[in-house]
Amino acid sequence: MNSNDIAHAAEVIRAGGLVLFPSDTVYILAVDPTNQKAVDKLLAFKNRWAGKAISIAVTDQQMAENYVELSDNAQRLYKTLLPGPFTIVSKGKHKVAAGIEAPNGTLGIRIPDNQWIAQLVTLLGKPVTATSANLSGKTPNYSVTGFWRTLSKKKQSMIDSVVDAGVLPKNKPSTVIDATEPELKVLRRGDLVTTSATTIISKSEDETQKIAEFLLKKSLGGVKPLVFLLSGDLGCGKTVFSKQIAKSLGYKGKVTSPTFVIYNEYKIVDKLFLHFDLYRITADFELGEIKFFELFTKNSVACIEWPENIGEENLRKLEKLVKVVKVTFSYLDPTTREIKYEL
């Protein structure tokens, strides 16, 4: 897959065609949501009744606001969750073809964390539909060949262009959040489920790992070292989170807990990952012994478990040196954790 593939897909969509395209979650079916004939073709392909809404993908909040009215809730979600695997439902402005908005006038918006869709939408200068590539009621697809096998010859002939990015990671379709009311409502659960603009729920180690990867992508960038301050009870997922950060940065080896050595460091090409466990820290001189504040270099990313043990003054000093993301873990029940974050 290259820029020529994306340019060709844009031409097909501009002409009213239906394109199979990769996203950050699953393969999607992309058409121009403002073209009624294209939307009718999409609905006919999916065997989908016109009363069921179809989300659209945009490049940023500014483009989204051409098509929906953003509540205060929605604006907070856009700031903290997007780009990412979320669809935010808002009141539509009725600028799309019939069959895109729901019967109540709402419209789901996606800003995928996916450079291919971003390039496609930028070339078009308008959104594309972001509905998963499957027939209505069937499972989503992660490869072109897998999708193609489910289709009749007639259905295959309705696809005007295919952009093949190989087998996609097995991510669920996006979490759909209704932000039209003061209280958020999750309409469909994906890999990440939120109860507020800064809270994500985890029911497993796998979900905690996906949250770590998501927050890393949201936080990377800038000139300062990046530091995650991880607070919460024992066993609530801080170490799982830390190990996934290392893996997401590209570290291939084993990440061990630094409980008895205060910190471990791992070199990753152009990055340095630092993993701290400050549970046993009781005095400032212990930080001095490891030259704590000198460890954070320009290309370093760190996870600090039990950051509260170094005291407020040291935390303020640290915040002047690095970019801090505060992450707090708490139990909702024996199998469910609430993970709050401040970017």
C-alpha atoms as a PDB file:
ATOM      1  CA  MET A   1       0.000   0.000   0.000  1.00  0.00           C
ATOM      2  CA  ASN A   2       1.333   3.439  -0.957  1.00  0.00           C
ATOM      3  CA  SER A   3       0.276   7.023  -1.682  1.00  0.00           C
ATOM      4  CA  ASN A   4      -0.811   6.060  -5.222  1.00  0.00           C
ATOM      5  CA  ASP A   5      -3.279   3.546  -3.764  1.00  0.00           C
ATOM      6  CA  ILE A   6      -4.755   6.250  -1.554  1.00  0.00           C
ATOM      7  CA  ALA A   7      -4.919   8.755  -4.421  1.00  0.00           C
ATOM      8  CA  HIS A   8      -6.738   6.201  -6.584  1.00  0.00           C
ATOM      9  CA  ALA A   9      -9.184   5.454  -3.753  1.00  0.00           C
ATOM     10  CA  ALA A  10      -9.916   9.176  -3.460  1.00  0.00           C
ATOM     11  CA  GLU A  11     -10.659   9.367  -7.194  1.00  0.00           C
ATOM     12  CA  VAL A  12     -13.059   6.439  -6.965  1.00  0.00           C
ATOM     13  CA  ILE A  13     -14.867   7.901  -3.960  1.00  0.00           C
ATOM     14  CA  ARG A  14     -15.054  11.314  -5.603  1.00  0.00           C
ATOM     15  CA  ALA A  15     -16.765   9.648  -8.577  1.00  0.00           C
ATOM     16  CA  GLY A  16     -19.361   8.035  -6.306  1.00  0.00           C
ATOM     17  CA  GLY A  17     -17.663   4.658  -5.879  1.00  0.00           C
ATOM     18  CA  LEU A  18     -17.479   2.200  -2.988  1.00  0.00           C
ATOM     19  CA  VAL A  19     -13.992   1.440  -1.620  1.00  0.00           C
ATOM     20  CA  LEU A  20     -12.740  -1.245   0.773  1.00  0.00           C
ATOM     21  CA  PHE A  21     -10.174   0.536   2.951  1.00  0.00           C
ATOM     22  CA  PRO A  22      -8.040  -0.243   6.059  1.00  0.00           C
ATOM     23  CA  SER A  23      -8.503   1.654   9.323  1.00  0.00           C
ATOM     24  CA  ASP A  24      -7.037   1.617  12.834  1.00  0.00           C
ATOM     25  CA  THR A  25      -9.615  -0.951  13.900  1.00  0.00           C
ATOM     26  CA  VAL A  26     -11.023  -3.037  11.009  1.00  0.00           C
ATOM     27  CA  TYR A  27     -11.434  -2.746   7.255  1.00  0.00           C
ATOM     28  CA  ILE A  28     -14.126  -0.207   6.411  1.00  0.00           C
ATOM     29  CA  LEU A  29     -16.391   0.601   3.478  1.00  0.00           C
ATOM     30  CA  ALA A  30     -15.730   4.168   2.356  1.00  0.00           C
ATOM     31  CA  VAL A  31     -17.997   6.341   0.224  1.00  0.00           C
ATOM     32  CA  ASP A  32     -18.715  10.053   0.040  1.00  0.00           C
ATOM     33  CA  PRO A  33     -21.362  10.577   2.762  1.00  0.00           C
ATOM     34  CA  THR A  34     -22.700  13.662   0.953  1.00  0.00           C
ATOM     35  CA  ASN A  35     -23.392  11.719  -2.276  1.00  0.00           C
ATOM     36  CA  GLN A  36     -26.855  10.153  -2.129  1.00  0.00           C
ATOM     37  CA  LYS A  37     -26.233   7.593  -4.885  1.00  0.00           C
ATOM     38  CA  ALA A  38     -23.011   6.477  -3.197  1.00  0.00           C
ATOM     39  CA  VAL A  39     -24.749   6.145   0.172  1.00  0.00           C
ATOM     40  CA  ASP A  40     -27.631   4.201  -1.401  1.00  0.00           C
ATOM     41  CA  LYS A  41     -25.092   1.828  -2.936  1.00  0.00           C
ATOM     42  CA  LEU A  42     -23.384   1.358   0.434  1.00  0.00           C
ATOM     43  CA  LEU A  43     -26.674   0.601   2.182  1.00  0.00           C
ATOM     44  CA  ALA A  44     -27.645  -1.859  -0.550  1.00  0.00           C
ATOM     45  CA  PHE A  45     -24.286  -3.590  -0.280  1.00  0.00           C
ATOM     46  CA  LYS A  46     -24.533  -4.018   3.502  1.00  0.00           C
ATOM     47  CA  ASN A  47     -28.202  -5.064   3.362  1.00  0.00           C
ATOM     48  CA  ARG A  48     -28.741  -2.371   5.954  1.00  0.00           C
ATOM     49  CA  TRP A  49     -31.997  -0.584   6.623  1.00  0.00           C
ATOM     50  CA  ALA A  50     -31.772   3.186   6.179  1.00  0.00           C
ATOM     51  CA  GLY A  51     -32.819   3.926   9.773  1.00  0.00           C
ATOM     52  CA  LYS A  52     -29.532   2.643  11.198  1.00  0.00           C
ATOM     53  CA  ALA A  53     -26.923   5.407  11.256  1.00  0.00           C
ATOM     54  CA  ILE A  54     -23.470   5.194   9.650  1.00  0.00           C
ATOM     55  CA  SER A  55     -20.505   6.988  11.158  1.00  0.00           C
ATOM     56  CA  ILE A  56     -18.134   9.176   9.179  1.00  0.00           C
ATOM     57  CA  ALA A  57     -14.385   9.747   9.494  1.00  0.00           C
ATOM     58  CA  VAL A  58     -12.891  13.245   9.563  1.00  0.00           C
ATOM     59  CA  THR A  59      -9.378  14.624  10.032  1.00  0.00           C
ATOM     60  CA  ASP A  60      -9.962  16.885  13.030  1.00  0.00           C
ATOM     61  CA  GLN A  61     -12.496  18.660  15.223  1.00  0.00           C
ATOM     62  CA  GLN A  62     -12.753  21.589  12.836  1.00  0.00           C
ATOM     63  CA  MET A  63     -13.973  19.318  10.051  1.00  0.00           C
ATOM     64  CA  ALA A  64     -16.302  17.535  12.471  1.00  0.00           C
ATOM     65  CA  GLU A  65     -17.984  20.815  13.379  1.00  0.00           C
ATOM     66  CA  ASN A  66     -19.059  21.230   9.753  1.00  0.00           C
ATOM     67  CA  TYR A  67     -21.329  18.230  10.235  1.00  0.00           C
ATOM     68  CA  VAL A  68     -22.282  18.098  13.935  1.00  0.00           C
ATOM     69  CA  GLU A  69     -22.937  20.370  16.901  1.00  0.00           C
ATOM     70  CA  LEU A  70     -20.492  19.576  19.696  1.00  0.00           C
ATOM     71  CA  SER A  71     -21.758  19.738  23.274  1.00  0.00           C
ATOM     72  CA  ASP A  72     -19.351  20.558  26.104  1.00  0.00           C
ATOM     73  CA  ASN A  73     -19.186  16.816  26.796  1.00  0.00           C
ATOM     74  CA  ALA A  74     -18.313  16.071  23.187  1.00  0.00           C
ATOM     75  CA  GLN A  75     -15.608  18.736  23.091  1.00  0.00           C
ATOM     76  CA  ARG A  76     -13.944  17.205  26.148  1.00  0.00           C
ATOM     77  CA  LEU A  77     -14.067  13.768  24.513  1.00  0.00           C
ATOM     78  CA  TYR A  78     -12.520  15.120  21.314  1.00  0.00           C
ATOM     79  CA  LYS A  79      -9.694  16.660  23.337  1.00  0.00           C
ATOM     80  CA  THR A  80      -8.835  13.595  25.394  1.00  0.00           C
ATOM     81  CA  LEU A  81      -9.873  10.584  23.273  1.00  0.00           C
ATOM     82  CA  LEU A  82      -9.361  11.544  19.638  1.00  0.00           C
ATOM     83  CA  PRO A  83      -7.650  10.515  17.448  1.00  0.00           C
ATOM     84  CA  GLY A  84      -8.416   7.030  18.709  1.00  0.00           C
ATOM     85  CA  PRO A  85     -10.770   4.025  18.536  1.00  0.00           C
ATOM     86  CA  PHE A  86     -13.891   5.962  19.503  1.00  0.00           C
ATOM     87  CA  THR A  87     -16.992   7.173  17.667  1.00  0.00           C
ATOM     88  CA  ILE A  88     -18.574  10.255  19.251  1.00  0.00           C
ATOM     89  CA  VAL A  89     -22.286  10.702  18.532  1.00  0.00           C
ATOM     90  CA  SER A  90     -23.549  14.294  18.397  1.00  0.00           C
ATOM     91  CA  LYS A  91     -26.489  16.249  16.996  1.00  0.00           C
ATOM     92  CA  GLY A  92     -26.112  16.390  13.222  1.00  0.00           C
ATOM     93  CA  LYS A  93     -26.321  19.479  11.029  1.00  0.00           C
ATOM     94  CA  HIS A  94     -28.070  17.536   8.233  1.00  0.00           C
ATOM     95  CA  LYS A  95     -25.296  18.088   5.689  1.00  0.00           C
ATOM     96  CA  VAL A  96     -24.976  14.440   4.699  1.00  0.00           C
ATOM     97  CA  ALA A  97     -27.072  12.204   2.476  1.00  0.00           C
ATOM     98  CA  ALA A  98     -30.145  10.406   3.787  1.00  0.00           C
ATOM     99  CA  GLY A  99     -29.208   7.188   5.565  1.00  0.00           C
ATOM    100  CA  ILE A 100     -26.081   8.542   7.264  1.00  0.00           C
ATOM    101  CA  GLU A 101     -27.649  10.337  10.236  1.00  0.00           C
ATOM    102  CA  ALA A 102     -29.854   8.374  12.616  1.00  0.00           C
ATOM    103  CA  PRO A 103     -33.632   8.958  12.514  1.00  0.00           C
ATOM    104  CA  ASN A 104     -33.269  11.255  15.557  1.00  0.00           C
ATOM    105  CA  GLY A 105     -30.833  13.480  13.646  1.00  0.00           C
ATOM    106  CA  THR A 106     -27.631  12.374  15.389  1.00  0.00           C
ATOM    107  CA  LEU A 107     -24.371  11.514  13.643  1.00  0.00           C
ATOM    108  CA  GLY A 108     -21.339   9.508  14.740  1.00  0.00           C
ATOM    109  CA  ILE A 109     -17.912  11.017  14.068  1.00  0.00           C
ATOM    110  CA  ARG A 110     -14.554   9.210  14.032  1.00  0.00           C
ATOM    111  CA  ILE A 111     -11.041  10.647  13.942  1.00  0.00           C
ATOM    112  CA  PRO A 112      -9.091   7.418  13.434  1.00  0.00           C
ATOM    113  CA  ASP A 113      -5.509   7.094  14.612  1.00  0.00           C
ATOM    114  CA  ASN A 114      -4.606   6.074  11.085  1.00  0.00           C
ATOM    115  CA  GLN A 115      -2.441   7.964   8.622  1.00  0.00           C
ATOM    116  CA  TRP A 116      -4.024   6.265   5.602  1.00  0.00           C
ATOM    117  CA  ILE A 117      -7.530   7.515   6.371  1.00  0.00           C
ATOM    118  CA  ALA A 118      -6.150  10.934   7.290  1.00  0.00           C
ATOM    119  CA  GLN A 119      -4.478  11.134   3.871  1.00  0.00           C
ATOM    120  CA  LEU A 120      -7.619   9.921   2.117  1.00  0.00           C
ATOM    121  CA  VAL A 121      -9.894  12.460   3.812  1.00  0.00           C
ATOM    122  CA  THR A 122      -7.347  15.248   3.256  1.00  0.00           C
ATOM    123  CA  LEU A 123      -7.188  14.467  -0.481  1.00  0.00           C
ATOM    124  CA  LEU A 124     -10.988  14.483  -0.694  1.00  0.00           C
ATOM    125  CA  GLY A 125     -11.421  17.585   1.452  1.00  0.00           C
ATOM    126  CA  LYS A 126     -14.466  15.939   3.031  1.00  0.00           C
ATOM    127  CA  PRO A 127     -15.298  12.932   5.231  1.00  0.00           C
ATOM    128  CA  VAL A 128     -15.729   9.320   4.198  1.00  0.00           C
ATOM    129  CA  THR A 129     -18.037   6.748   5.707  1.00  0.00           C
ATOM    130  CA  ALA A 130     -16.361   4.648   8.402  1.00  0.00           C
ATOM    131  CA  THR A 131     -18.701   1.680   8.656  1.00  0.00           C
ATOM    132  CA  SER A 132     -17.032  -1.708   9.127  1.00  0.00           C
ATOM    133  CA  ALA A 133     -16.610  -3.891   6.040  1.00  0.00           C
ATOM    134  CA  ASN A 134     -19.165  -6.593   6.626  1.00  0.00           C
ATOM    135  CA  LEU A 135     -22.710  -7.432   5.678  1.00  0.00           C
ATOM    136  CA  SER A 136     -25.285  -6.340   8.225  1.00  0.00           C
ATOM    137  CA  GLY A 137     -25.198  -8.594  11.279  1.00  0.00           C
ATOM    138  CA  LYS A 138     -21.931 -10.283  10.297  1.00  0.00           C
ATOM    139  CA  THR A 139     -18.543 -10.023  12.016  1.00  0.00           C
ATOM    140  CA  PRO A 140     -15.992  -7.339  11.051  1.00  0.00           C
ATOM    141  CA  ASN A 141     -13.015  -8.228   8.872  1.00  0.00           C
ATOM    142  CA  TYR A 142      -9.252  -7.811   9.321  1.00  0.00           C
ATOM    143  CA  SER A 143      -8.081  -8.881   5.868  1.00  0.00           C
ATOM    144  CA  VAL A 144      -9.204  -8.410   2.285  1.00  0.00           C
ATOM    145  CA  THR A 145      -9.172 -12.136   1.538  1.00  0.00           C
ATOM    146  CA  GLY A 146     -11.229 -12.939   4.616  1.00  0.00           C
ATOM    147  CA  PHE A 147     -13.822 -10.341   3.628  1.00  0.00           C
ATOM    148  CA  TRP A 148     -13.890 -11.392  -0.014  1.00  0.00           C
ATOM    149  CA  ARG A 149     -14.689 -15.012   0.875  1.00  0.00           C
ATOM    150  CA  THR A 150     -17.925 -13.895   2.560  1.00  0.00           C
ATOM    151  CA  LEU A 151     -19.250 -12.209  -0.599  1.00  0.00           C
ATOM    152  CA  SER A 152     -21.341 -13.447  -3.473  1.00  0.00           C
ATOM    153  CA  LYS A 153     -20.235 -12.587  -7.033  1.00  0.00           C
ATOM    154  CA  LYS A 154     -22.912  -9.896  -7.090  1.00  0.00           C
ATOM    155  CA  LYS A 155     -21.626  -8.311  -3.877  1.00  0.00           C
ATOM    156  CA  GLN A 156     -18.024  -8.485  -5.100  1.00  0.00           C
ATOM    157  CA  SER A 157     -19.011  -6.604  -8.260  1.00  0.00           C
ATOM    158  CA  MET A 158     -20.369  -3.725  -6.141  1.00  0.00           C
ATOM    159  CA  ILE A 159     -16.907  -2.941  -4.717  1.00  0.00           C
ATOM    160  CA  ASP A 160     -15.268  -0.410  -7.031  1.00  0.00           C
ATOM    161  CA  SER A 161     -11.795  -0.395  -5.480  1.00  0.00           C
ATOM    162  CA  VAL A 162      -9.823  -2.318  -2.856  1.00  0.00           C
ATOM    163  CA  VAL A 163      -6.917  -0.936  -0.822  1.00  0.00           C
ATOM    164  CA  ASP A 164      -5.080  -3.887   0.715  1.00  0.00           C
ATOM    165  CA  ALA A 165      -2.914  -3.208   3.784  1.00  0.00           C
ATOM    166  CA  GLY A 166      -2.540  -6.882   4.647  1.00  0.00           C
ATOM    167  CA  VAL A 167      -3.843  -8.440   7.848  1.00  0.00           C
ATOM    168  CA  LEU A 168      -4.779  -5.793  10.424  1.00  0.00           C
ATOM    169  CA  PRO A 169      -4.261  -6.244  14.186  1.00  0.00           C
ATOM    170  CA  LYS A 170      -7.260  -7.895  15.826  1.00  0.00           C
ATOM    171  CA  ASN A 171      -8.762  -4.736  17.334  1.00  0.00           C
ATOM    172  CA  LYS A 172     -12.477  -4.461  17.945  1.00  0.00           C
ATOM    173  CA  PRO A 173     -14.529  -1.858  16.056  1.00  0.00           C
ATOM    174  CA  SER A 174     -14.592   1.540  17.772  1.00  0.00           C
ATOM    175  CA  THR A 175     -16.407   2.221  21.032  1.00  0.00           C
ATOM    176  CA  VAL A 176     -19.494   4.324  20.245  1.00  0.00           C
ATOM    177  CA  ILE A 177     -20.318   7.041  22.789  1.00  0.00           C
ATOM    178  CA  ASP A 178     -23.494   9.117  22.782  1.00  0.00           C
ATOM    179  CA  ALA A 179     -22.475  12.627  23.868  1.00  0.00           C
ATOM    180  CA  THR A 180     -25.788  14.334  23.175  1.00  0.00           C
ATOM    181  CA  GLU A 181     -26.906  14.215  26.801  1.00  0.00           C
ATOM    182  CA  PRO A 182     -25.166  15.408  30.014  1.00  0.00           C
ATOM    183  CA  GLU A 183     -24.489  11.779  30.981  1.00  0.00           C
ATOM    184  CA  LEU A 184     -22.376   9.803  28.503  1.00  0.00           C
ATOM    185  CA  LYS A 185     -23.844   6.564  27.186  1.00  0.00           C
ATOM    186  CA  VAL A 186     -21.818   3.762  25.604  1.00  0.00           C
ATOM    187  CA  LEU A 187     -23.805   2.442  22.635  1.00  0.00           C
ATOM    188  CA  ARG A 188     -21.203  -0.118  21.550  1.00  0.00           C
ATOM    189  CA  ARG A 189     -18.242  -1.467  23.473  1.00  0.00           C
ATOM    190  CA  GLY A 190     -14.887  -1.642  21.684  1.00  0.00           C
ATOM    191  CA  ASP A 191     -11.406  -2.298  23.059  1.00  0.00           C
ATOM    192  CA  LEU A 192     -11.519   0.867  25.184  1.00  0.00           C
ATOM    193  CA  VAL A 193     -14.579   1.884  27.199  1.00  0.00           C
ATOM    194  CA  THR A 194     -14.841   5.278  28.861  1.00  0.00           C
ATOM    195  CA  THR A 195     -17.212   6.654  31.480  1.00  0.00           C
ATOM    196  CA  SER A 196     -15.938  10.232  31.180  1.00  0.00           C
ATOM    197  CA  ALA A 197     -13.515  12.278  29.097  1.00  0.00           C
ATOM    198  CA  THR A 198     -10.632  11.180  31.342  1.00  0.00           C
ATOM    199  CA  THR A 199     -11.640   7.717  32.571  1.00  0.00           C
ATOM    200  CA  ILE A 200     -11.265   4.335  30.878  1.00  0.00           C
ATOM    201  CA  ILE A 201     -12.483   1.019  32.276  1.00  0.00           C
ATOM    202  CA  SER A 202     -10.364  -2.146  32.228  1.00  0.00           C
ATOM    203  CA  LYS A 203     -11.663  -5.640  32.894  1.00  0.00           C
ATOM    204  CA  SER A 204      -8.480  -7.531  31.996  1.00  0.00           C
ATOM    205  CA  GLU A 205      -4.720  -7.267  31.575  1.00  0.00           C
ATOM    206  CA  ASP A 206      -5.260  -7.120  27.822  1.00  0.00           C
ATOM    207  CA  GLU A 207      -7.503  -4.069  28.166  1.00  0.00           C
ATOM    208  CA  THR A 208      -4.992  -2.386  30.499  1.00  0.00           C
ATOM    209  CA  GLN A 209      -2.322  -2.987  27.846  1.00  0.00           C
ATOM    210  CA  LYS A 210      -4.498  -1.393  25.163  1.00  0.00           C
ATOM    211  CA  ILE A 211      -5.081   1.609  27.453  1.00  0.00           C
ATOM    212  CA  ALA A 212      -1.319   1.977  27.939  1.00  0.00           C
ATOM    213  CA  GLU A 213      -0.730   1.893  24.189  1.00  0.00           C
ATOM    214  CA  PHE A 214      -3.511   4.425  23.616  1.00  0.00           C
ATOM    215  CA  LEU A 215      -2.183   6.878  26.219  1.00  0.00           C
ATOM    216  CA  LEU A 216       1.372   6.540  24.886  1.00  0.00           C
ATOM    217  CA  LYS A 217       0.223   7.470  21.384  1.00  0.00           C
ATOM    218  CA  LYS A 218      -1.693  10.423  22.807  1.00  0.00           C
ATOM    219  CA  SER A 219       1.286  11.631  24.830  1.00  0.00           C
ATOM    220  CA  LEU A 220       4.374  11.189  22.645  1.00  0.00           C
ATOM    221  CA  GLY A 221       5.867  14.311  21.103  1.00  0.00           C
ATOM    222  CA  GLY A 222       7.432  17.507  22.371  1.00  0.00           C
ATOM    223  CA  VAL A 223      10.933  18.329  23.522  1.00  0.00           C
ATOM    224  CA  LYS A 224      10.676  17.184  27.135  1.00  0.00           C
ATOM    225  CA  PRO A 225      11.066  13.609  28.404  1.00  0.00           C
ATOM    226  CA  LEU A 226       7.716  11.843  28.889  1.00  0.00           C
ATOM    227  CA  VAL A 227       6.854  10.481  32.337  1.00  0.00           C
ATOM    228  CA  PHE A 228       3.783   8.491  33.402  1.00  0.00           C
ATOM    229  CA  LEU A 229       3.065   8.834  37.124  1.00  0.00           C
ATOM    230  CA  LEU A 230       1.192   5.663  38.111  1.00  0.00           C
ATOM    231  CA  SER A 231      -0.758   5.707  41.373  1.00  0.00           C
ATOM    232  CA  GLY A 232      -3.103   3.135  42.872  1.00  0.00           C
ATOM    233  CA  ASP A 233      -3.426   0.079  45.067  1.00  0.00           C
ATOM    234  CA  LEU A 234      -1.192  -2.981  44.848  1.00  0.00           C
ATOM    235  CA  GLY A 235      -2.086  -5.328  42.039  1.00  0.00           C
ATOM    236  CA  CYS A 236      -4.337  -2.919  40.163  1.00  0.00           C
ATOM    237  CA  GLY A 237      -2.365  -2.891  36.899  1.00  0.00           C
ATOM    238  CA  LYS A 238       0.494  -0.391  37.206  1.00  0.00           C
ATOM    239  CA  THR A 239       3.200  -2.901  36.283  1.00  0.00           C
ATOM    240  CA  VAL A 240       1.113  -4.337  33.439  1.00  0.00           C
ATOM    241  CA  PHE A 241       0.734  -0.776  32.144  1.00  0.00           C
ATOM    242  CA  SER A 242       4.491  -0.125  32.448  1.00  0.00           C
ATOM    243  CA  LYS A 243       5.499  -3.293  30.621  1.00  0.00           C
ATOM    244  CA  GLN A 244       3.145  -2.458  27.745  1.00  0.00           C
ATOM    245  CA  ILE A 245       4.663   1.023  27.434  1.00  0.00           C
ATOM    246  CA  ALA A 246       8.080  -0.613  26.926  1.00  0.00           C
ATOM    247  CA  LYS A 247       6.618  -3.045  24.382  1.00  0.00           C
ATOM    248  CA  SER A 248       4.817  -0.254  22.514  1.00  0.00           C
ATOM    249  CA  LEU A 249       8.082   1.682  22.308  1.00  0.00           C
ATOM    250  CA  GLY A 250       9.631  -1.336  20.596  1.00  0.00           C
ATOM    251  CA  TYR A 251      11.429  -3.176  23.383  1.00  0.00           C
ATOM    252  CA  LYS A 252      11.547  -6.894  22.554  1.00  0.00           C
ATOM    253  CA  GLY A 253      13.054  -8.306  25.750  1.00  0.00           C
ATOM    254  CA  LYS A 254      11.684  -9.050  29.193  1.00  0.00           C
ATOM    255  CA  VAL A 255      10.730  -6.144  31.447  1.00  0.00           C
ATOM    256  CA  THR A 256      11.219  -7.042  35.115  1.00  0.00           C
ATOM    257  CA  SER A 257       9.776  -5.291  38.138  1.00  0.00           C
ATOM    258  CA  PRO A 258      12.291  -2.886  39.774  1.00  0.00           C
ATOM    259  CA  THR A 259      10.868  -3.393  43.281  1.00  0.00           C
ATOM    260  CA  PHE A 260      14.246  -4.115  44.902  1.00  0.00           C
ATOM    261  CA  VAL A 261      16.486  -1.907  42.719  1.00  0.00           C
ATOM    262  CA  ILE A 262      14.289   1.237  42.507  1.00  0.00           C
ATOM    263  CA  TYR A 263      14.573   1.465  38.719  1.00  0.00           C
ATOM    264  CA  ASN A 264      15.543  -0.402  35.549  1.00  0.00           C
ATOM    265  CA  GLU A 265      16.442   1.084  32.195  1.00  0.00           C
ATOM    266  CA  TYR A 266      15.968  -0.341  28.724  1.00  0.00           C
ATOM    267  CA  LYS A 267      17.567   1.028  25.553  1.00  0.00           C
ATOM    268  CA  ILE A 268      15.287   1.003  22.492  1.00  0.00           C
ATOM    269  CA  VAL A 269      16.950   2.334  19.301  1.00  0.00           C
ATOM    270  CA  ASP A 270      16.497   6.103  19.738  1.00  0.00           C
ATOM    271  CA  LYS A 271      14.563   5.871  23.011  1.00  0.00           C
ATOM    272  CA  LEU A 272      15.358   5.040  26.631  1.00  0.00           C
ATOM    273  CA  PHE A 273      12.628   3.470  28.766  1.00  0.00           C
ATOM    274  CA  LEU A 274      12.904   3.936  32.538  1.00  0.00           C
ATOM    275  CA  HIS A 275      10.776   1.884  34.926  1.00  0.00           C
ATOM    276  CA  PHE A 276      10.656   3.028  38.554  1.00  0.00           C
ATOM    277  CA  ASP A 277       9.100   1.412  41.605  1.00  0.00           C
ATOM    278  CA  LEU A 278       9.320   3.920  44.472  1.00  0.00           C
ATOM    279  CA  TYR A 279       7.308   1.868  46.965  1.00  0.00           C
ATOM    280  CA  ARG A 280      10.310   1.536  49.290  1.00  0.00           C
ATOM    281  CA  ILE A 281      11.563   5.132  48.997  1.00  0.00           C
ATOM    282  CA  THR A 282      11.445   6.874  52.392  1.00  0.00           C
ATOM    283  CA  ALA A 283      13.919   9.785  52.156  1.00  0.00           C
ATOM    284  CA  ASP A 284      15.307  12.287  49.659  1.00  0.00           C
ATOM    285  CA  PHE A 285      18.868  10.981  49.969  1.00  0.00           C
ATOM    286  CA  GLU A 286      17.731   7.734  48.323  1.00  0.00           C
ATOM    287  CA  LEU A 287      16.769   9.711  45.222  1.00  0.00           C
ATOM    288  CA  GLY A 288      20.135  11.437  45.359  1.00  0.00           C
ATOM    289  CA  GLU A 289      21.959   8.101  45.435  1.00  0.00           C
ATOM    290  CA  ILE A 290      20.508   7.147  42.044  1.00  0.00           C
ATOM    291  CA  LYS A 291      20.761  10.741  40.680  1.00  0.00           C
ATOM    292  CA  PHE A 292      17.019  10.609  40.075  1.00  0.00           C
ATOM    293  CA  PHE A 293      16.541  13.935  38.325  1.00  0.00           C
ATOM    294  CA  GLU A 294      19.520  13.378  36.015  1.00  0.00           C
ATOM    295  CA  LEU A 295      18.078  10.154  34.610  1.00  0.00           C
ATOM    296  CA  PHE A 296      15.474  11.862  32.434  1.00  0.00           C
ATOM    297  CA  THR A 297      17.047  12.640  29.072  1.00  0.00           C
ATOM    298  CA  LYS A 298      15.521  14.162  25.941  1.00  0.00           C
ATOM    299  CA  ASN A 299      14.528  10.836  24.366  1.00  0.00           C
ATOM    300  CA  SER A 300      13.475   9.044  27.528  1.00  0.00           C
ATOM    301  CA  VAL A 301      10.040   7.696  28.435  1.00  0.00           C
ATOM    302  CA  ALA A 302       9.439   6.645  32.033  1.00  0.00           C
ATOM    303  CA  CYS A 303       6.821   4.947  34.161  1.00  0.00           C
ATOM    304  CA  ILE A 304       6.997   5.759  37.867  1.00  0.00           C
ATOM    305  CA  GLU A 305       5.002   3.541  40.209  1.00  0.00           C
ATOM    306  CA  TRP A 306       4.215   4.993  43.654  1.00  0.00           C
ATOM    307  CA  PRO A 307       5.245   8.584  42.695  1.00  0.00           C
ATOM    308  CA  GLU A 308       3.554   9.957  45.852  1.00  0.00           C
ATOM    309  CA  ASN A 309       6.423   8.507  47.915  1.00  0.00           C
ATOM    310  CA  ILE A 310       8.880  11.174  46.741  1.00  0.00           C
ATOM    311  CA  GLY A 311       6.836  14.047  48.192  1.00  0.00           C
ATOM    312  CA  GLU A 312       5.097  17.066  46.709  1.00  0.00           C
ATOM    313  CA  GLU A 313       8.226  19.224  46.454  1.00  0.00           C
ATOM    314  CA  ASN A 314      10.089  16.625  44.411  1.00  0.00           C
ATOM    315  CA  LEU A 315       7.025  16.071  42.232  1.00  0.00           C
ATOM    316  CA  ARG A 316       6.851  19.807  41.475  1.00  0.00           C
ATOM    317  CA  LYS A 317      10.543  19.765  40.565  1.00  0.00           C
ATOM    318  CA  LEU A 318       9.987  16.767  38.300  1.00  0.00           C
ATOM    319  CA  GLU A 319       7.048  18.450  36.544  1.00  0.00           C
ATOM    320  CA  LYS A 320       9.340  21.333  35.558  1.00  0.00           C
ATOM    321  CA  LEU A 321      11.791  18.931  33.920  1.00  0.00           C
ATOM    322  CA  VAL A 322       9.465  16.541  32.092  1.00  0.00           C
ATOM    323  CA  LYS A 323       6.074  16.155  30.446  1.00  0.00           C
ATOM    324  CA  VAL A 324       3.894  14.433  33.048  1.00  0.00           C
ATOM    325  CA  VAL A 325       0.883  12.197  32.441  1.00  0.00           C
ATOM    326  CA  LYS A 326      -0.866  11.281  35.690  1.00  0.00           C
ATOM    327  CA  VAL A 327      -2.586   7.889  35.701  1.00  0.00           C
ATOM    328  CA  THR A 328      -4.570   6.650  38.698  1.00  0.00           C
ATOM    329  CA  PHE A 329      -5.760   3.033  39.057  1.00  0.00           C
ATOM    330  CA  SER A 330      -8.592   1.986  41.349  1.00  0.00           C
ATOM    331  CA  TYR A 331     -10.773  -1.085  41.803  1.00  0.00           C
ATOM    332  CA  LEU A 332     -14.477  -0.928  41.005  1.00  0.00           C
ATOM    333  CA  ASP A 333     -14.861  -4.616  41.801  1.00  0.00           C
ATOM    334  CA  PRO A 334     -12.470  -7.609  41.948  1.00  0.00           C
ATOM    335  CA  THR A 335     -12.204  -7.804  38.143  1.00  0.00           C
ATOM    336  CA  THR A 336     -12.815  -4.201  37.048  1.00  0.00           C
ATOM    337  CA  ARG A 337     -10.405  -1.280  37.274  1.00  0.00           C
ATOM    338  CA  GLU A 338     -11.074   2.378  36.680  1.00  0.00           C
ATOM    339  CA  ILE A 339      -8.111   4.159  35.091  1.00  0.00           C
ATOM    340  CA  LYS A 340      -8.178   7.953  35.281  1.00  0.00           C
ATOM    341  CA  TYR A 341      -5.651  10.092  33.474  1.00  0.00           C
ATOM    342  CA  GLU A 342      -4.537  13.703  33.128  1.00  0.00           C
ATOM    343  CA  LEU A 343      -2.734  14.482  29.886  1.00  0.00           C
END
